[in-house]
Protein backbone atom coordinates (compact mmCIF):
# COMPACT_ATOMS: atom_id res chain seq x y z
CA MET A 1 -160.01 -55.90 -84.21
CA GLY A 2 -162.68 -58.17 -82.51
CA LEU A 3 -160.05 -61.09 -81.63
CA THR A 4 -161.28 -63.27 -78.62
CA GLN A 5 -158.63 -63.84 -75.83
CA ASN A 6 -157.97 -67.68 -77.12
CA GLU A 7 -157.38 -66.24 -80.75
CA LEU A 8 -154.71 -63.66 -79.47
CA SER A 9 -152.92 -66.58 -77.62
CA GLN A 10 -152.68 -68.43 -80.60
CA LEU A 11 -151.38 -65.71 -82.86
CA SER A 12 -148.85 -64.46 -80.10
CA GLY A 13 -148.12 -67.52 -78.18
CA ILE A 14 -148.93 -66.21 -75.05
CA ALA A 15 -150.96 -68.13 -72.46
CA GLN A 16 -154.79 -67.50 -72.60
CA SER A 17 -154.48 -66.78 -68.77
CA VAL A 18 -151.72 -64.10 -69.20
CA ILE A 19 -153.58 -62.35 -71.88
CA ALA A 20 -156.71 -62.23 -69.45
CA LYS A 21 -154.77 -60.71 -66.60
CA VAL A 22 -153.26 -58.28 -68.88
CA GLU A 23 -156.47 -57.30 -70.22
CA ASN A 24 -158.17 -57.00 -66.59
CA GLU A 25 -155.10 -54.84 -65.52
CA SER A 26 -154.44 -57.58 -62.65
CA VAL A 27 -151.00 -58.02 -63.80
CA ASP A 28 -148.20 -55.53 -65.36
CA PRO A 29 -147.19 -57.50 -68.47
CA ARG A 30 -143.25 -57.73 -69.13
CA ALA A 31 -141.93 -55.81 -72.21
CA SER A 32 -141.43 -59.31 -73.90
CA THR A 33 -144.91 -60.09 -73.45
CA LEU A 34 -146.37 -56.93 -74.48
CA LYS A 35 -143.85 -57.03 -77.50
CA LYS A 36 -145.25 -60.59 -78.74
CA ILE A 37 -149.06 -59.23 -78.42
CA VAL A 38 -148.07 -56.10 -80.75
CA GLU A 39 -146.25 -58.20 -83.18
CA ALA A 40 -149.06 -60.47 -83.43
CA LEU A 41 -151.35 -57.59 -83.73
CA ASN A 42 -149.24 -56.15 -86.42
CA ARG A 43 -149.24 -59.58 -88.55
CA LEU A 44 -152.68 -59.77 -88.36
CA GLN A 45 -153.53 -55.89 -89.39
CA PHE A 46 -150.49 -56.05 -91.96
CA PRO A 47 -150.37 -59.71 -93.65
CA ASP A 48 -148.89 -58.64 -96.62
CA LYS A 49 -146.01 -57.04 -95.16
CA PRO A 50 -142.67 -59.29 -93.65
CA HIS A 51 -142.84 -59.23 -89.79
CA ILE A 52 -140.38 -62.31 -88.97
CA VAL A 53 -137.47 -63.15 -90.41
CA ASN A 54 -139.07 -66.37 -91.88
CA ASP A 55 -140.67 -63.89 -94.19
CA ILE A 56 -137.25 -62.55 -95.61
CA MET A 57 -134.84 -65.71 -95.66
CA VAL A 58 -132.95 -67.37 -98.21
CA GLU A 59 -134.55 -70.93 -97.94
CA GLU A 60 -132.49 -72.28 -101.07
CA LEU A 61 -128.97 -72.91 -99.58
CA ILE A 62 -125.60 -74.10 -100.16
CA THR A 63 -124.21 -75.89 -97.20
CA LEU A 64 -121.03 -77.47 -96.01
CA LEU A 65 -119.89 -80.07 -93.55
CA ALA A 66 -117.24 -79.52 -91.12
CA ASP A 67 -114.99 -81.93 -92.75
CA ASP A 68 -115.43 -80.52 -96.29
CA THR A 69 -112.25 -78.96 -97.85
CA ILE A 70 -111.68 -75.19 -97.93
CA GLN A 71 -111.06 -75.56 -101.52
CA SER A 72 -114.51 -76.89 -102.05
CA ALA A 73 -115.75 -74.06 -99.90
CA ILE A 74 -114.44 -71.58 -102.35
CA ASP A 75 -115.73 -73.61 -105.15
CA LYS A 76 -119.32 -73.43 -103.87
CA MET A 77 -119.12 -69.89 -102.60
CA VAL A 78 -118.16 -68.60 -106.21
CA GLY A 79 -120.33 -71.19 -107.97
CA GLY A 80 -123.21 -70.36 -106.23
CA ASN A 81 -122.48 -66.51 -106.18
CA VAL A 82 -122.90 -66.38 -102.71
CA SER A 83 -121.09 -64.62 -99.82
CA GLN A 84 -121.81 -67.15 -96.85
CA LEU A 85 -122.10 -70.57 -96.30
CA PRO A 86 -123.78 -72.17 -93.45
CA VAL A 87 -121.66 -74.97 -92.25
CA ILE A 88 -124.16 -77.67 -90.63
CA SER A 89 -123.86 -81.18 -88.70
CA GLY A 90 -125.03 -84.40 -90.23
CA SER A 91 -128.42 -83.87 -88.61
CA GLY A 92 -128.76 -80.59 -90.02
CA SER A 93 -128.14 -78.35 -87.50
CA PRO A 94 -125.86 -75.24 -87.74
CA ILE A 95 -122.24 -75.43 -86.22
CA GLY A 96 -120.67 -72.47 -87.98
CA LEU A 97 -120.66 -70.32 -91.09
CA VAL A 98 -117.88 -69.64 -93.90
CA SER A 99 -117.96 -66.11 -95.14
CA GLU A 100 -115.47 -64.24 -97.74
CA ALA A 101 -113.98 -62.46 -94.51
CA SER A 102 -113.32 -65.75 -92.83
CA LEU A 103 -111.79 -67.15 -96.06
CA LEU A 104 -109.77 -63.93 -96.81
CA ALA A 105 -108.48 -63.78 -93.01
CA HIS A 106 -106.96 -67.19 -93.38
CA GLY A 107 -104.80 -65.95 -96.51
CA ALA A 108 -104.19 -68.20 -99.19
CA GLN A 109 -105.10 -71.32 -97.75
CA THR A 110 -107.13 -73.91 -99.54
CA MET A 111 -105.94 -76.92 -97.86
CA GLY A 112 -107.56 -78.38 -94.88
CA SER A 113 -111.29 -78.55 -93.37
CA VAL A 114 -113.79 -76.06 -93.35
CA GLN A 115 -113.83 -76.30 -89.76
CA SER A 116 -110.28 -74.54 -89.57
CA VAL A 117 -111.95 -71.56 -91.24
CA MET A 118 -115.43 -71.40 -90.28
CA GLN A 119 -116.89 -68.88 -87.45
CA ALA A 120 -117.98 -71.20 -84.97
CA ASN A 121 -119.64 -68.31 -83.27
CA ALA A 122 -121.95 -67.41 -85.90
CA VAL A 123 -125.51 -65.93 -84.83
CA VAL A 124 -128.07 -68.31 -84.97
CA VAL A 125 -131.63 -67.05 -84.73
CA ASN A 126 -134.97 -68.83 -84.58
CA TYR A 127 -137.36 -68.29 -87.92
CA ASP A 128 -139.82 -66.30 -85.85
CA VAL A 129 -137.36 -63.62 -84.61
CA SER A 130 -138.77 -60.18 -85.51
CA ILE A 131 -137.46 -58.32 -88.16
CA SER A 132 -136.50 -55.17 -85.88
CA GLU A 133 -134.45 -57.79 -84.01
CA ALA A 134 -133.03 -59.05 -86.74
CA ARG A 135 -131.93 -55.30 -88.47
CA GLU A 136 -130.22 -54.93 -85.16
CA LEU A 137 -128.05 -58.03 -85.07
CA LEU A 138 -127.11 -57.42 -88.77
CA THR A 139 -125.57 -54.06 -88.05
CA LEU A 140 -122.95 -55.91 -86.08
CA GLU A 141 -122.99 -59.45 -87.92
CA GLU A 142 -122.80 -60.17 -91.78
CA ALA A 143 -125.30 -62.81 -91.70
CA LEU A 144 -127.85 -64.91 -89.56
CA LEU A 145 -128.67 -68.37 -89.71
CA VAL A 146 -132.02 -69.34 -89.29
CA THR A 147 -133.40 -72.38 -87.44
CA LYS A 148 -136.75 -74.06 -86.73
CA ASN A 149 -136.63 -76.82 -84.13
CA GLY A 150 -133.00 -76.92 -84.19
CA ARG A 151 -132.50 -77.36 -87.84
CA LEU A 152 -131.17 -74.93 -90.41
CA VAL A 153 -133.90 -73.52 -92.51
CA GLY A 154 -132.55 -70.26 -93.90
CA LEU A 155 -130.09 -67.32 -93.75
CA VAL A 156 -130.66 -63.34 -93.57
CA SER A 157 -127.90 -61.65 -94.90
CA ARG A 158 -127.46 -57.59 -94.65
CA ILE A 159 -128.60 -57.39 -98.46
CA ASP A 160 -131.81 -59.56 -97.59
CA MET A 161 -132.70 -57.36 -94.84
CA VAL A 162 -131.82 -54.04 -97.18
CA ARG A 163 -134.16 -55.71 -99.94
CA ALA A 164 -136.96 -56.27 -97.13
CA LEU A 165 -136.57 -52.34 -96.01
CA ARG A 166 -137.11 -51.39 -99.93
CA ASP A 167 -140.25 -53.81 -99.67
CA LEU A 168 -141.71 -52.37 -96.92
CA ARG A 169 -141.19 -48.84 -98.38
CA ASP A 170 -142.77 -50.05 -101.55
CA THR A 171 -145.86 -51.24 -100.04
CA SER A 172 -146.40 -48.07 -97.73
CA GLN A 173 -146.53 -46.19 -100.82
């Protein structure tokens, strides 16, 4: 591919000294190091394909604050035709997720705050997490909250991943 160690370092986020040691076979790299290098090379070789969650996430989000009412969450969910609503702090950091499932689990309750129905253990991933990692997480989770520098920047749901799989298939044909 004609890359210098410095260019590969910038693409992969791996220190140039580590890349040099791997190239000279003076160190056996960790699996995580190899994974970052391979992902960087894939992004370079196939720039039109999605590689990280940033490539497939929904960026225009309807969000809630913890002290919003449950009724306002229901109204936003139905009005926005969405299945998940991230709950954020005043600084924009994700603190939970209100989903159709979390609302249904609390019955017909519409009084009270979102904090009482939100999933506080929602899975949060960095924007540069690989599509393959996200796909594995989505076999267990409804949605992933995506952050950059600690602030919510997007959401990836199962249907977003299914669309990405369809798009990958379409570009490979």
